[in-house]
Structures are given as C-alpha cells and as structure tokens.
Amino acid sequence: MEIKKLYELLEHEKEEQRITEATYWDYLWELYVEEKSADYQMLAVKEAIPRLISDDNLRKRRHINNCMELGLNIKIGDICYIDYGEAYINEIGYQHFGLIVSIFHSKAFVVPMSGNHAAFLQAYSKDNPKGKRHLMRLGKIKGMNKESVLFINDAKWINTARIIDIKAHLNKNSSLFHEIKERVKSCLDEGTMHK
C-alpha cells in the first residue's frame, strides 16, 4: 500500500463518511489484508503471538480513558505488565513490564523493563562502569521472577488503559527509586547519555 496514494485519497475526501461507504474501500481492505498477512507469515511464533495480543488489546481498550475503568488502581512505584503496542527497531513494544515514575491526567510516565539477562549484564552500574548508560540494573525486585533491567531511553507517557496488571511495587521514597528518577532526568539532558 503506497502511503502517498492514501494521502491523496484523504485530500480528495470531502465528506465525513464511514470508510466502508467509500468507493475504494474493497480495494483498500484487500491490500491491507494481503500486506498484513504477508507480514505475519514471515514471523516466528514468539513474535507473531504478542502482535496478535497487542492488536486485540488495542481493539478492546482504545476507547477507555484510563486503567481505573478496568478496575486497576495504580500508584507511583508500581511495576506493571503493559501493552506498549507496535514498535520500531530499538523501541520497546508489545507486552513488557514497566515502572510507573509519575501519573498525570490519566497518563503514566513509565520506564519499560525486562528480565532479559543479556541486557542486565550490559547495563551500566557501579560494578560495570563501562556498561550501557541507557540500561539500569534493578536486581531482583520482590514480586518479580527475575533480575530486572530498566530501558531508560524508552521512558514515555502512556494512556493507563495500556496497563494490563500490577505485578510488584518499588517504594517511591527509596534510594533506588530516587536513583531511577535521576537516571531518567540525565537521559533527558541532551549529550550526557551517548552510549
């Protein structure tokens, strides 16, 4: 599907009609299904299933204002299982954990995290001063199954409707939580994080 042609169709559309009423709907839908199907056919099962789950979560949750509508009462310091959605290279995507650093107007500022052992070993720390500064070791947090690592450079604001479950908690007054906030701030400070 050519993006330029889609924009041209959009520019010529004068009415606020439903897409299925447009004369070109059948053609667009065939192209979309064909391309989406081709994408999925090339994927390994471990990549395809999270994508399907993410598509389903988006369909069910996109009109929800926040996670409280789903019965989840989140707090700063909660470690949640989150559906981040589709991702580009070097972005966290689909279903991963995330630490809530701040909450503001139905959104949460989260730092994605993982139990990926290779990333944990590569992360910068006092024990590993030559490690990657965009990664931060958390160690084993009570309620989590593995040692965890934060992906500082993937921190972002999300609609809390993306939160699937609360798995653990990190005290927001702890020295570790304070260190995390400082690492996020330094990542935002241009030029200090280039590894």
N, C-alpha and C. Protein backbone atom coordinates (compact mmCIF):
# COMPACT_ATOMS: atom_id res chain seq x y z
N MET A 1 0.84 -1.17 0.00
CA MET A 1 0.00 0.00 0.00
C MET A 1 0.89 1.24 0.00
N GLU A 2 0.70 2.12 -0.93
CA GLU A 2 1.53 3.31 -1.03
C GLU A 2 0.94 4.43 -0.19
N ILE A 3 1.74 4.91 0.75
CA ILE A 3 1.30 5.96 1.66
C ILE A 3 0.89 7.22 0.90
N LYS A 4 1.66 7.57 -0.13
CA LYS A 4 1.36 8.77 -0.92
C LYS A 4 -0.06 8.70 -1.50
N LYS A 5 -0.43 7.52 -2.02
CA LYS A 5 -1.77 7.36 -2.60
C LYS A 5 -2.85 7.48 -1.52
N LEU A 6 -2.55 6.97 -0.34
CA LEU A 6 -3.52 7.07 0.76
C LEU A 6 -3.74 8.53 1.13
N TYR A 7 -2.67 9.31 1.19
CA TYR A 7 -2.81 10.74 1.49
C TYR A 7 -3.59 11.46 0.40
N GLU A 8 -3.38 11.05 -0.84
CA GLU A 8 -4.13 11.66 -1.95
C GLU A 8 -5.62 11.37 -1.80
N LEU A 9 -5.96 10.13 -1.42
CA LEU A 9 -7.37 9.78 -1.20
C LEU A 9 -7.95 10.63 -0.07
N LEU A 10 -7.17 10.81 0.96
CA LEU A 10 -7.61 11.60 2.11
C LEU A 10 -7.85 13.06 1.73
N GLU A 11 -6.97 13.62 0.92
CA GLU A 11 -7.11 15.02 0.48
C GLU A 11 -8.36 15.24 -0.35
N HIS A 12 -8.75 14.25 -1.13
CA HIS A 12 -9.92 14.39 -2.01
C HIS A 12 -11.22 14.04 -1.31
N GLU A 13 -11.13 13.55 -0.10
CA GLU A 13 -12.33 13.17 0.65
C GLU A 13 -12.96 14.42 1.25
N LYS A 14 -14.18 14.70 0.86
CA LYS A 14 -14.84 15.93 1.32
C LYS A 14 -15.84 15.67 2.43
N GLU A 15 -16.41 14.51 2.45
CA GLU A 15 -17.45 14.21 3.42
C GLU A 15 -16.88 13.43 4.60
N GLU A 16 -17.59 13.50 5.69
CA GLU A 16 -17.23 12.71 6.87
C GLU A 16 -17.97 11.37 6.81
N GLN A 17 -17.73 10.63 5.77
CA GLN A 17 -18.41 9.34 5.61
C GLN A 17 -17.58 8.22 6.22
N ARG A 18 -18.23 7.13 6.50
CA ARG A 18 -17.52 5.96 7.02
C ARG A 18 -16.66 5.40 5.89
N ILE A 19 -15.52 4.84 6.26
CA ILE A 19 -14.59 4.29 5.26
C ILE A 19 -15.27 3.21 4.42
N THR A 20 -16.14 2.42 5.03
CA THR A 20 -16.79 1.33 4.30
C THR A 20 -17.76 1.83 3.24
N GLU A 21 -18.14 3.11 3.32
CA GLU A 21 -19.03 3.70 2.31
C GLU A 21 -18.26 4.28 1.13
N ALA A 22 -16.94 4.40 1.27
CA ALA A 22 -16.13 4.95 0.18
C ALA A 22 -16.05 3.95 -0.97
N THR A 23 -16.00 4.45 -2.20
CA THR A 23 -15.98 3.58 -3.37
C THR A 23 -14.73 2.71 -3.42
N TYR A 24 -13.66 3.15 -2.81
CA TYR A 24 -12.39 2.42 -2.87
C TYR A 24 -12.16 1.49 -1.67
N TRP A 25 -13.16 1.35 -0.79
CA TRP A 25 -13.00 0.55 0.42
C TRP A 25 -12.58 -0.89 0.14
N ASP A 26 -13.27 -1.59 -0.74
CA ASP A 26 -12.95 -3.00 -1.01
C ASP A 26 -11.51 -3.16 -1.48
N TYR A 27 -11.08 -2.26 -2.32
CA TYR A 27 -9.69 -2.29 -2.83
C TYR A 27 -8.69 -2.08 -1.69
N LEU A 28 -8.93 -1.08 -0.86
CA LEU A 28 -8.03 -0.80 0.27
C LEU A 28 -7.97 -1.98 1.24
N TRP A 29 -9.14 -2.53 1.55
CA TRP A 29 -9.19 -3.63 2.51
C TRP A 29 -8.43 -4.85 1.98
N GLU A 30 -8.60 -5.17 0.71
CA GLU A 30 -7.85 -6.29 0.12
C GLU A 30 -6.34 -6.08 0.23
N LEU A 31 -5.89 -4.87 -0.09
CA LEU A 31 -4.46 -4.56 0.01
C LEU A 31 -3.96 -4.69 1.45
N TYR A 32 -4.74 -4.15 2.37
CA TYR A 32 -4.34 -4.20 3.78
C TYR A 32 -4.23 -5.64 4.28
N VAL A 33 -5.24 -6.43 4.01
CA VAL A 33 -5.24 -7.83 4.46
C VAL A 33 -4.09 -8.59 3.82
N GLU A 34 -3.85 -8.36 2.54
CA GLU A 34 -2.76 -9.03 1.84
C GLU A 34 -1.40 -8.67 2.47
N GLU A 35 -1.17 -7.39 2.73
CA GLU A 35 0.11 -6.97 3.30
C GLU A 35 0.26 -7.42 4.75
N LYS A 36 -0.80 -7.32 5.53
CA LYS A 36 -0.76 -7.75 6.94
C LYS A 36 -0.51 -9.26 7.00
N SER A 37 -1.16 -10.01 6.15
CA SER A 37 -0.99 -11.45 6.11
C SER A 37 0.46 -11.81 5.75
N ALA A 38 1.02 -11.11 4.78
CA ALA A 38 2.41 -11.36 4.38
C ALA A 38 3.36 -11.06 5.54
N ASP A 39 3.07 -9.99 6.30
CA ASP A 39 3.90 -9.66 7.48
C ASP A 39 3.89 -10.80 8.48
N TYR A 40 2.71 -11.30 8.79
CA TYR A 40 2.59 -12.36 9.80
C TYR A 40 3.22 -13.67 9.34
N GLN A 41 3.14 -13.98 8.06
CA GLN A 41 3.69 -15.24 7.56
C GLN A 41 5.20 -15.33 7.74
N MET A 42 5.87 -14.20 7.84
CA MET A 42 7.33 -14.18 7.97
C MET A 42 7.79 -14.22 9.43
N LEU A 43 6.87 -14.14 10.37
CA LEU A 43 7.23 -14.04 11.78
C LEU A 43 7.35 -15.41 12.46
N ALA A 44 8.23 -15.45 13.45
CA ALA A 44 8.30 -16.61 14.33
C ALA A 44 7.10 -16.55 15.27
N VAL A 45 6.69 -17.68 15.80
CA VAL A 45 5.54 -17.75 16.70
C VAL A 45 5.72 -16.79 17.89
N LYS A 46 6.95 -16.74 18.45
CA LYS A 46 7.20 -15.88 19.62
C LYS A 46 7.08 -14.40 19.31
N GLU A 47 7.08 -14.04 18.04
CA GLU A 47 6.87 -12.64 17.67
C GLU A 47 5.44 -12.41 17.20
N ALA A 48 4.86 -13.40 16.54
CA ALA A 48 3.50 -13.25 16.00
C ALA A 48 2.44 -13.18 17.10
N ILE A 49 2.55 -14.05 18.10
CA ILE A 49 1.53 -14.09 19.16
C ILE A 49 1.45 -12.77 19.93
N PRO A 50 2.58 -12.19 20.38
CA PRO A 50 2.47 -10.88 21.05
C PRO A 50 1.84 -9.79 20.16
N ARG A 51 2.09 -9.83 18.86
CA ARG A 51 1.47 -8.87 17.95
C ARG A 51 -0.04 -9.06 17.90
N LEU A 52 -0.48 -10.31 17.83
CA LEU A 52 -1.91 -10.59 17.82
C LEU A 52 -2.57 -10.14 19.12
N ILE A 53 -1.90 -10.40 20.24
CA ILE A 53 -2.41 -9.97 21.54
C ILE A 53 -2.52 -8.45 21.58
N SER A 54 -1.49 -7.77 21.09
CA SER A 54 -1.47 -6.31 21.07
C SER A 54 -2.59 -5.74 20.20
N ASP A 55 -2.82 -6.35 19.05
CA ASP A 55 -3.92 -5.91 18.18
C ASP A 55 -5.26 -6.05 18.90
N ASP A 56 -5.44 -7.16 19.61
CA ASP A 56 -6.68 -7.40 20.34
C ASP A 56 -6.83 -6.41 21.50
N ASN A 57 -5.74 -6.15 22.23
CA ASN A 57 -5.78 -5.18 23.33
C ASN A 57 -6.16 -3.79 22.82
N LEU A 58 -5.58 -3.39 21.70
CA LEU A 58 -5.90 -2.07 21.13
C LEU A 58 -7.38 -2.01 20.78
N ARG A 59 -7.87 -3.03 20.13
CA ARG A 59 -9.28 -3.06 19.72
C ARG A 59 -10.21 -2.93 20.93
N LYS A 60 -9.87 -3.62 22.02
CA LYS A 60 -10.73 -3.64 23.22
C LYS A 60 -10.53 -2.42 24.12
N ARG A 61 -9.34 -1.80 24.11
CA ARG A 61 -9.02 -0.77 25.10
C ARG A 61 -8.90 0.66 24.56
N ARG A 62 -8.91 0.85 23.26
CA ARG A 62 -8.60 2.17 22.71
C ARG A 62 -9.61 3.26 23.07
N HIS A 63 -10.80 2.89 23.47
CA HIS A 63 -11.81 3.89 23.83
C HIS A 63 -11.96 4.03 25.35
N ILE A 64 -11.05 3.43 26.08
CA ILE A 64 -11.07 3.51 27.55
C ILE A 64 -10.15 4.66 27.97
N ASN A 65 -10.64 5.49 28.89
CA ASN A 65 -9.89 6.67 29.33
C ASN A 65 -8.68 6.36 30.19
N ASN A 66 -8.81 5.36 31.06
CA ASN A 66 -7.72 5.03 31.98
C ASN A 66 -7.93 3.65 32.58
N CYS A 67 -6.93 3.18 33.30
CA CYS A 67 -6.99 1.82 33.83
C CYS A 67 -7.99 1.67 34.98
N MET A 68 -8.40 2.78 35.59
CA MET A 68 -9.40 2.68 36.67
C MET A 68 -10.72 2.14 36.13
N GLU A 69 -11.01 2.44 34.86
CA GLU A 69 -12.22 1.90 34.23
C GLU A 69 -12.13 0.38 34.08
N LEU A 70 -10.91 -0.15 34.18
CA LEU A 70 -10.69 -1.60 34.08
C LEU A 70 -10.50 -2.23 35.46
N GLY A 71 -10.66 -1.42 36.51
CA GLY A 71 -10.55 -1.93 37.88
C GLY A 71 -9.13 -1.93 38.44
N LEU A 72 -8.20 -1.23 37.78
CA LEU A 72 -6.82 -1.15 38.28
C LEU A 72 -6.57 0.21 38.90
N ASN A 73 -6.11 0.20 40.13
CA ASN A 73 -5.78 1.43 40.85
C ASN A 73 -4.27 1.50 40.98
N ILE A 74 -3.62 2.25 40.11
CA ILE A 74 -2.16 2.29 40.08
C ILE A 74 -1.62 3.40 40.97
N LYS A 75 -0.35 3.22 41.38
CA LYS A 75 0.36 4.21 42.19
C LYS A 75 1.76 4.39 41.62
N ILE A 76 2.36 5.52 41.93
CA ILE A 76 3.75 5.74 41.57
C ILE A 76 4.59 4.66 42.26
N GLY A 77 5.48 4.05 41.51
CA GLY A 77 6.30 2.96 42.04
C GLY A 77 5.80 1.58 41.67
N ASP A 78 4.58 1.51 41.13
CA ASP A 78 4.06 0.19 40.71
C ASP A 78 4.84 -0.31 39.50
N ILE A 79 5.07 -1.60 39.49
CA ILE A 79 5.66 -2.27 38.34
C ILE A 79 4.51 -3.04 37.69
N CYS A 80 4.21 -2.66 36.46
CA CYS A 80 3.02 -3.17 35.79
C CYS A 80 3.38 -3.94 34.53
N TYR A 81 2.47 -4.84 34.16
CA TYR A 81 2.55 -5.50 32.87
C TYR A 81 1.76 -4.63 31.91
N ILE A 82 2.40 -4.19 30.82
CA ILE A 82 1.86 -3.17 29.94
C ILE A 82 1.92 -3.63 28.49
N ASP A 83 0.91 -3.25 27.73
CA ASP A 83 0.96 -3.48 26.29
C ASP A 83 1.38 -2.17 25.63
N TYR A 84 2.63 -2.10 25.18
CA TYR A 84 3.16 -0.87 24.57
C TYR A 84 2.76 -0.73 23.11
N GLY A 85 2.22 -1.77 22.51
CA GLY A 85 1.83 -1.70 21.11
C GLY A 85 2.99 -1.96 20.17
N GLU A 86 2.75 -1.73 18.89
CA GLU A 86 3.77 -1.99 17.88
C GLU A 86 4.99 -1.11 18.10
N ALA A 87 6.14 -1.59 17.64
CA ALA A 87 7.38 -0.87 17.88
C ALA A 87 8.29 -0.88 16.66
N TYR A 88 9.08 0.14 16.56
CA TYR A 88 10.14 0.22 15.56
C TYR A 88 11.39 -0.44 16.15
N ILE A 89 12.45 -0.53 15.37
CA ILE A 89 13.72 -1.07 15.86
C ILE A 89 14.20 -0.20 17.00
N ASN A 90 14.77 -0.82 18.02
CA ASN A 90 15.31 -0.14 19.20
C ASN A 90 14.24 0.54 20.05
N GLU A 91 13.01 0.07 19.97
CA GLU A 91 11.94 0.54 20.85
C GLU A 91 11.34 -0.66 21.56
N ILE A 92 10.88 -0.42 22.77
CA ILE A 92 10.18 -1.48 23.49
C ILE A 92 8.78 -1.59 22.87
N GLY A 93 8.29 -2.78 22.70
CA GLY A 93 6.97 -2.95 22.10
C GLY A 93 6.25 -4.15 22.65
N TYR A 94 4.98 -4.21 22.33
CA TYR A 94 4.11 -5.30 22.72
C TYR A 94 4.03 -5.42 24.23
N GLN A 95 4.07 -6.61 24.79
CA GLN A 95 3.83 -6.77 26.22
C GLN A 95 5.16 -6.88 26.98
N HIS A 96 5.37 -5.91 27.86
CA HIS A 96 6.55 -5.90 28.74
C HIS A 96 6.16 -5.25 30.05
N PHE A 97 7.07 -5.31 30.99
CA PHE A 97 6.86 -4.65 32.27
C PHE A 97 7.28 -3.19 32.18
N GLY A 98 6.82 -2.40 33.13
CA GLY A 98 7.20 -1.00 33.19
C GLY A 98 7.02 -0.47 34.60
N LEU A 99 7.91 0.42 35.00
CA LEU A 99 7.85 1.06 36.31
C LEU A 99 7.17 2.42 36.16
N ILE A 100 6.14 2.67 36.96
CA ILE A 100 5.46 3.95 36.93
C ILE A 100 6.25 4.96 37.75
N VAL A 101 6.72 6.01 37.08
CA VAL A 101 7.53 7.04 37.71
C VAL A 101 6.67 8.26 38.06
N SER A 102 5.63 8.51 37.28
CA SER A 102 4.75 9.65 37.53
C SER A 102 3.38 9.35 36.94
N ILE A 103 2.35 10.02 37.48
CA ILE A 103 0.98 9.89 36.96
C ILE A 103 0.42 11.30 36.83
N PHE A 104 -0.16 11.59 35.65
CA PHE A 104 -0.74 12.90 35.43
C PHE A 104 -1.87 12.80 34.42
N HIS A 105 -3.06 13.19 34.82
CA HIS A 105 -4.24 13.28 33.96
C HIS A 105 -4.44 12.03 33.09
N SER A 106 -4.69 10.91 33.72
CA SER A 106 -4.97 9.62 33.07
C SER A 106 -3.79 9.03 32.30
N LYS A 107 -2.62 9.63 32.45
CA LYS A 107 -1.43 9.08 31.81
C LYS A 107 -0.39 8.75 32.87
N ALA A 108 0.45 7.78 32.54
CA ALA A 108 1.54 7.41 33.43
C ALA A 108 2.85 7.54 32.67
N PHE A 109 3.85 8.08 33.35
CA PHE A 109 5.19 8.12 32.78
C PHE A 109 5.87 6.84 33.24
N VAL A 110 6.19 5.97 32.30
CA VAL A 110 6.72 4.66 32.64
C VAL A 110 8.11 4.46 32.05
N VAL A 111 8.90 3.68 32.77
CA VAL A 111 10.20 3.25 32.25
C VAL A 111 10.07 1.76 32.00
N PRO A 112 10.10 1.35 30.74
CA PRO A 112 9.98 -0.08 30.41
C PRO A 112 11.12 -0.89 31.04
N MET A 113 10.81 -2.13 31.35
CA MET A 113 11.81 -3.00 31.96
C MET A 113 11.63 -4.44 31.48
N SER A 114 12.66 -5.21 31.70
CA SER A 114 12.66 -6.59 31.22
C SER A 114 13.48 -7.47 32.15
N GLY A 115 13.28 -8.75 32.02
CA GLY A 115 14.10 -9.73 32.72
C GLY A 115 15.17 -10.31 31.81
N ASN A 116 15.45 -9.63 30.71
CA ASN A 116 16.45 -10.09 29.74
C ASN A 116 17.83 -10.07 30.39
N HIS A 117 18.41 -11.26 30.57
CA HIS A 117 19.67 -11.39 31.30
C HIS A 117 20.84 -10.74 30.55
N ALA A 118 20.85 -10.85 29.23
CA ALA A 118 21.93 -10.24 28.44
C ALA A 118 21.92 -8.73 28.60
N ALA A 119 20.72 -8.11 28.57
CA ALA A 119 20.61 -6.66 28.77
C ALA A 119 21.03 -6.29 30.19
N PHE A 120 20.65 -7.13 31.16
CA PHE A 120 21.03 -6.89 32.55
C PHE A 120 22.55 -6.84 32.70
N LEU A 121 23.23 -7.77 32.06
CA LEU A 121 24.70 -7.82 32.14
C LEU A 121 25.37 -6.63 31.46
N GLN A 122 24.74 -6.08 30.43
CA GLN A 122 25.31 -4.96 29.68
C GLN A 122 25.05 -3.60 30.34
N ALA A 123 24.15 -3.57 31.32
CA ALA A 123 23.72 -2.30 31.90
C ALA A 123 24.83 -1.63 32.71
N TYR A 124 24.85 -0.31 32.64
CA TYR A 124 25.76 0.49 33.45
C TYR A 124 25.40 0.34 34.93
N SER A 125 26.42 0.22 35.76
CA SER A 125 26.24 0.19 37.23
C SER A 125 27.59 0.46 37.86
N LYS A 126 27.60 0.58 39.17
CA LYS A 126 28.88 0.78 39.88
C LYS A 126 29.81 -0.41 39.62
N ASP A 127 29.23 -1.60 39.51
CA ASP A 127 30.00 -2.82 39.22
C ASP A 127 30.44 -2.88 37.77
N ASN A 128 29.74 -2.15 36.90
CA ASN A 128 30.01 -2.19 35.46
C ASN A 128 30.04 -0.76 34.91
N PRO A 129 31.10 0.02 35.27
CA PRO A 129 31.15 1.44 34.88
C PRO A 129 31.27 1.67 33.37
N LYS A 130 31.62 0.64 32.61
CA LYS A 130 31.69 0.78 31.16
C LYS A 130 30.43 0.26 30.47
N GLY A 131 29.42 -0.03 31.27
CA GLY A 131 28.17 -0.55 30.75
C GLY A 131 27.36 0.50 30.00
N LYS A 132 26.31 0.05 29.38
CA LYS A 132 25.44 0.93 28.59
C LYS A 132 24.58 1.78 29.53
N ARG A 133 24.71 3.09 29.38
CA ARG A 133 24.04 4.03 30.29
C ARG A 133 22.53 4.12 30.07
N HIS A 134 22.05 3.66 28.93
CA HIS A 134 20.60 3.70 28.73
C HIS A 134 19.90 2.51 29.41
N LEU A 135 20.70 1.60 29.97
CA LEU A 135 20.18 0.46 30.71
C LEU A 135 20.53 0.62 32.18
N MET A 136 19.61 0.26 33.07
CA MET A 136 19.87 0.35 34.50
C MET A 136 19.45 -0.94 35.19
N ARG A 137 20.39 -1.52 35.91
CA ARG A 137 20.10 -2.75 36.66
C ARG A 137 19.23 -2.44 37.87
N LEU A 138 18.20 -3.25 38.05
CA LEU A 138 17.36 -3.15 39.24
C LEU A 138 17.63 -4.29 40.20
N GLY A 139 18.16 -5.38 39.69
CA GLY A 139 18.30 -6.57 40.53
C GLY A 139 16.96 -7.28 40.64
N LYS A 140 16.83 -8.12 41.65
CA LYS A 140 15.61 -8.90 41.86
C LYS A 140 14.67 -8.10 42.76
N ILE A 141 13.55 -7.69 42.22
CA ILE A 141 12.54 -6.93 42.96
C ILE A 141 11.50 -7.92 43.49
N LYS A 142 11.11 -7.73 44.75
CA LYS A 142 10.09 -8.60 45.35
C LYS A 142 8.82 -8.58 44.49
N GLY A 143 8.35 -9.76 44.13
CA GLY A 143 7.17 -9.90 43.28
C GLY A 143 7.51 -10.20 41.82
N MET A 144 8.78 -10.04 41.47
CA MET A 144 9.22 -10.33 40.10
C MET A 144 9.99 -11.65 40.12
N ASN A 145 9.98 -12.36 38.99
CA ASN A 145 10.61 -13.68 38.91
C ASN A 145 12.10 -13.65 38.62
N LYS A 146 12.56 -12.57 37.99
CA LYS A 146 13.97 -12.50 37.56
C LYS A 146 14.57 -11.16 37.97
N GLU A 147 15.89 -11.08 37.82
CA GLU A 147 16.56 -9.78 37.94
C GLU A 147 16.04 -8.92 36.80
N SER A 148 15.83 -7.65 37.08
CA SER A 148 15.25 -6.77 36.07
C SER A 148 16.22 -5.68 35.65
N VAL A 149 16.01 -5.20 34.43
CA VAL A 149 16.79 -4.09 33.88
C VAL A 149 15.81 -3.08 33.29
N LEU A 150 16.08 -1.79 33.56
CA LEU A 150 15.26 -0.71 33.01
C LEU A 150 15.84 -0.24 31.69
N PHE A 151 14.97 0.10 30.74
CA PHE A 151 15.36 0.69 29.47
C PHE A 151 15.06 2.19 29.56
N ILE A 152 16.01 2.93 30.13
CA ILE A 152 15.82 4.35 30.42
C ILE A 152 15.45 5.14 29.16
N ASN A 153 16.09 4.84 28.05
CA ASN A 153 15.84 5.62 26.82
C ASN A 153 14.51 5.29 26.16
N ASP A 154 13.75 4.38 26.72
CA ASP A 154 12.41 4.08 26.21
C ASP A 154 11.31 4.64 27.12
N ALA A 155 11.69 5.43 28.13
CA ALA A 155 10.69 6.01 29.03
C ALA A 155 9.71 6.86 28.23
N LYS A 156 8.44 6.79 28.61
CA LYS A 156 7.41 7.51 27.84
C LYS A 156 6.13 7.67 28.64
N TRP A 157 5.31 8.61 28.20
CA TRP A 157 3.96 8.77 28.74
C TRP A 157 3.04 7.81 27.98
N ILE A 158 2.20 7.10 28.72
CA ILE A 158 1.23 6.20 28.10
C ILE A 158 -0.16 6.45 28.69
N ASN A 159 -1.19 6.15 27.92
CA ASN A 159 -2.54 6.09 28.47
C ASN A 159 -2.55 4.88 29.40
N THR A 160 -3.06 5.06 30.62
CA THR A 160 -3.01 3.96 31.59
C THR A 160 -3.91 2.78 31.20
N ALA A 161 -4.76 2.96 30.18
CA ALA A 161 -5.56 1.83 29.68
C ALA A 161 -4.66 0.75 29.08
N ARG A 162 -3.40 1.08 28.79
CA ARG A 162 -2.43 0.09 28.29
C ARG A 162 -1.98 -0.88 29.38
N ILE A 163 -2.21 -0.51 30.64
CA ILE A 163 -1.76 -1.34 31.77
C ILE A 163 -2.68 -2.54 31.93
N ILE A 164 -2.09 -3.72 31.91
CA ILE A 164 -2.84 -4.97 31.99
C ILE A 164 -2.96 -5.44 33.44
N ASP A 165 -1.87 -5.32 34.20
CA ASP A 165 -1.87 -5.81 35.58
C ASP A 165 -0.75 -5.15 36.37
N ILE A 166 -0.91 -5.10 37.68
CA ILE A 166 0.13 -4.62 38.60
C ILE A 166 0.81 -5.85 39.17
N LYS A 167 2.14 -5.91 39.02
CA LYS A 167 2.87 -7.12 39.42
C LYS A 167 3.71 -6.94 40.69
N ALA A 168 4.23 -5.73 40.92
CA ALA A 168 5.11 -5.50 42.07
C ALA A 168 5.11 -4.01 42.38
N HIS A 169 5.86 -3.62 43.38
CA HIS A 169 5.92 -2.21 43.77
C HIS A 169 7.31 -1.87 44.28
N LEU A 170 7.74 -0.66 43.94
CA LEU A 170 9.01 -0.11 44.41
C LEU A 170 8.67 1.18 45.16
N ASN A 171 9.09 1.26 46.41
CA ASN A 171 8.77 2.42 47.24
C ASN A 171 9.30 3.69 46.60
N LYS A 172 8.40 4.66 46.37
CA LYS A 172 8.81 5.90 45.70
C LYS A 172 9.74 6.76 46.56
N ASN A 173 9.85 6.45 47.85
CA ASN A 173 10.76 7.18 48.74
C ASN A 173 12.10 6.48 48.92
N SER A 174 12.29 5.35 48.24
CA SER A 174 13.53 4.59 48.38
C SER A 174 14.67 5.24 47.61
N SER A 175 15.90 4.92 48.02
CA SER A 175 17.07 5.46 47.32
C SER A 175 17.13 4.92 45.89
N LEU A 176 16.67 3.68 45.67
CA LEU A 176 16.67 3.11 44.33
C LEU A 176 15.72 3.90 43.41
N PHE A 177 14.53 4.23 43.91
CA PHE A 177 13.58 4.98 43.10
C PHE A 177 14.13 6.38 42.78
N HIS A 178 14.78 7.00 43.77
CA HIS A 178 15.40 8.32 43.55
C HIS A 178 16.49 8.22 42.47
N GLU A 179 17.30 7.15 42.53
CA GLU A 179 18.36 6.95 41.54
C GLU A 179 17.76 6.78 40.13
N ILE A 180 16.65 6.05 40.04
CA ILE A 180 15.98 5.85 38.75
C ILE A 180 15.54 7.20 38.18
N LYS A 181 14.91 8.02 39.01
CA LYS A 181 14.47 9.35 38.54
C LYS A 181 15.65 10.19 38.06
N GLU A 182 16.75 10.11 38.76
CA GLU A 182 17.94 10.87 38.36
C GLU A 182 18.49 10.36 37.03
N ARG A 183 18.47 9.06 36.84
CA ARG A 183 18.95 8.49 35.57
C ARG A 183 18.04 8.91 34.41
N VAL A 184 16.73 8.95 34.65
CA VAL A 184 15.79 9.39 33.62
C VAL A 184 16.05 10.85 33.28
N LYS A 185 16.23 11.68 34.31
CA LYS A 185 16.50 13.11 34.08
C LYS A 185 17.78 13.30 33.29
N SER A 186 18.82 12.54 33.63
CA SER A 186 20.09 12.69 32.90
C SER A 186 19.97 12.21 31.46
N CYS A 187 19.09 11.25 31.22
CA CYS A 187 18.84 10.79 29.84
C CYS A 187 18.18 11.90 29.03
N LEU A 188 17.33 12.67 29.69
CA LEU A 188 16.64 13.77 29.01
C LEU A 188 17.57 14.95 28.75
N ASP A 189 18.64 15.02 29.55
CA ASP A 189 19.59 16.10 29.39
C ASP A 189 20.52 15.77 28.22
N GLU A 190 20.25 16.36 27.12
CA GLU A 190 20.95 16.10 25.87
C GLU A 190 22.46 15.99 26.04
N GLY A 191 23.05 15.02 25.43
CA GLY A 191 24.50 14.90 25.37
C GLY A 191 25.15 14.17 26.53
N THR A 192 24.39 13.87 27.60
CA THR A 192 25.03 13.18 28.70
C THR A 192 24.93 11.67 28.58
N MET A 193 24.06 11.20 27.71
CA MET A 193 23.85 9.76 27.55
C MET A 193 24.11 9.38 26.12
N HIS A 194 25.35 9.03 25.78
CA HIS A 194 25.62 8.69 24.37
C HIS A 194 26.11 7.29 24.16
N LYS A 195 25.95 6.41 25.13
CA LYS A 195 26.38 5.02 24.95
C LYS A 195 25.21 4.17 24.54
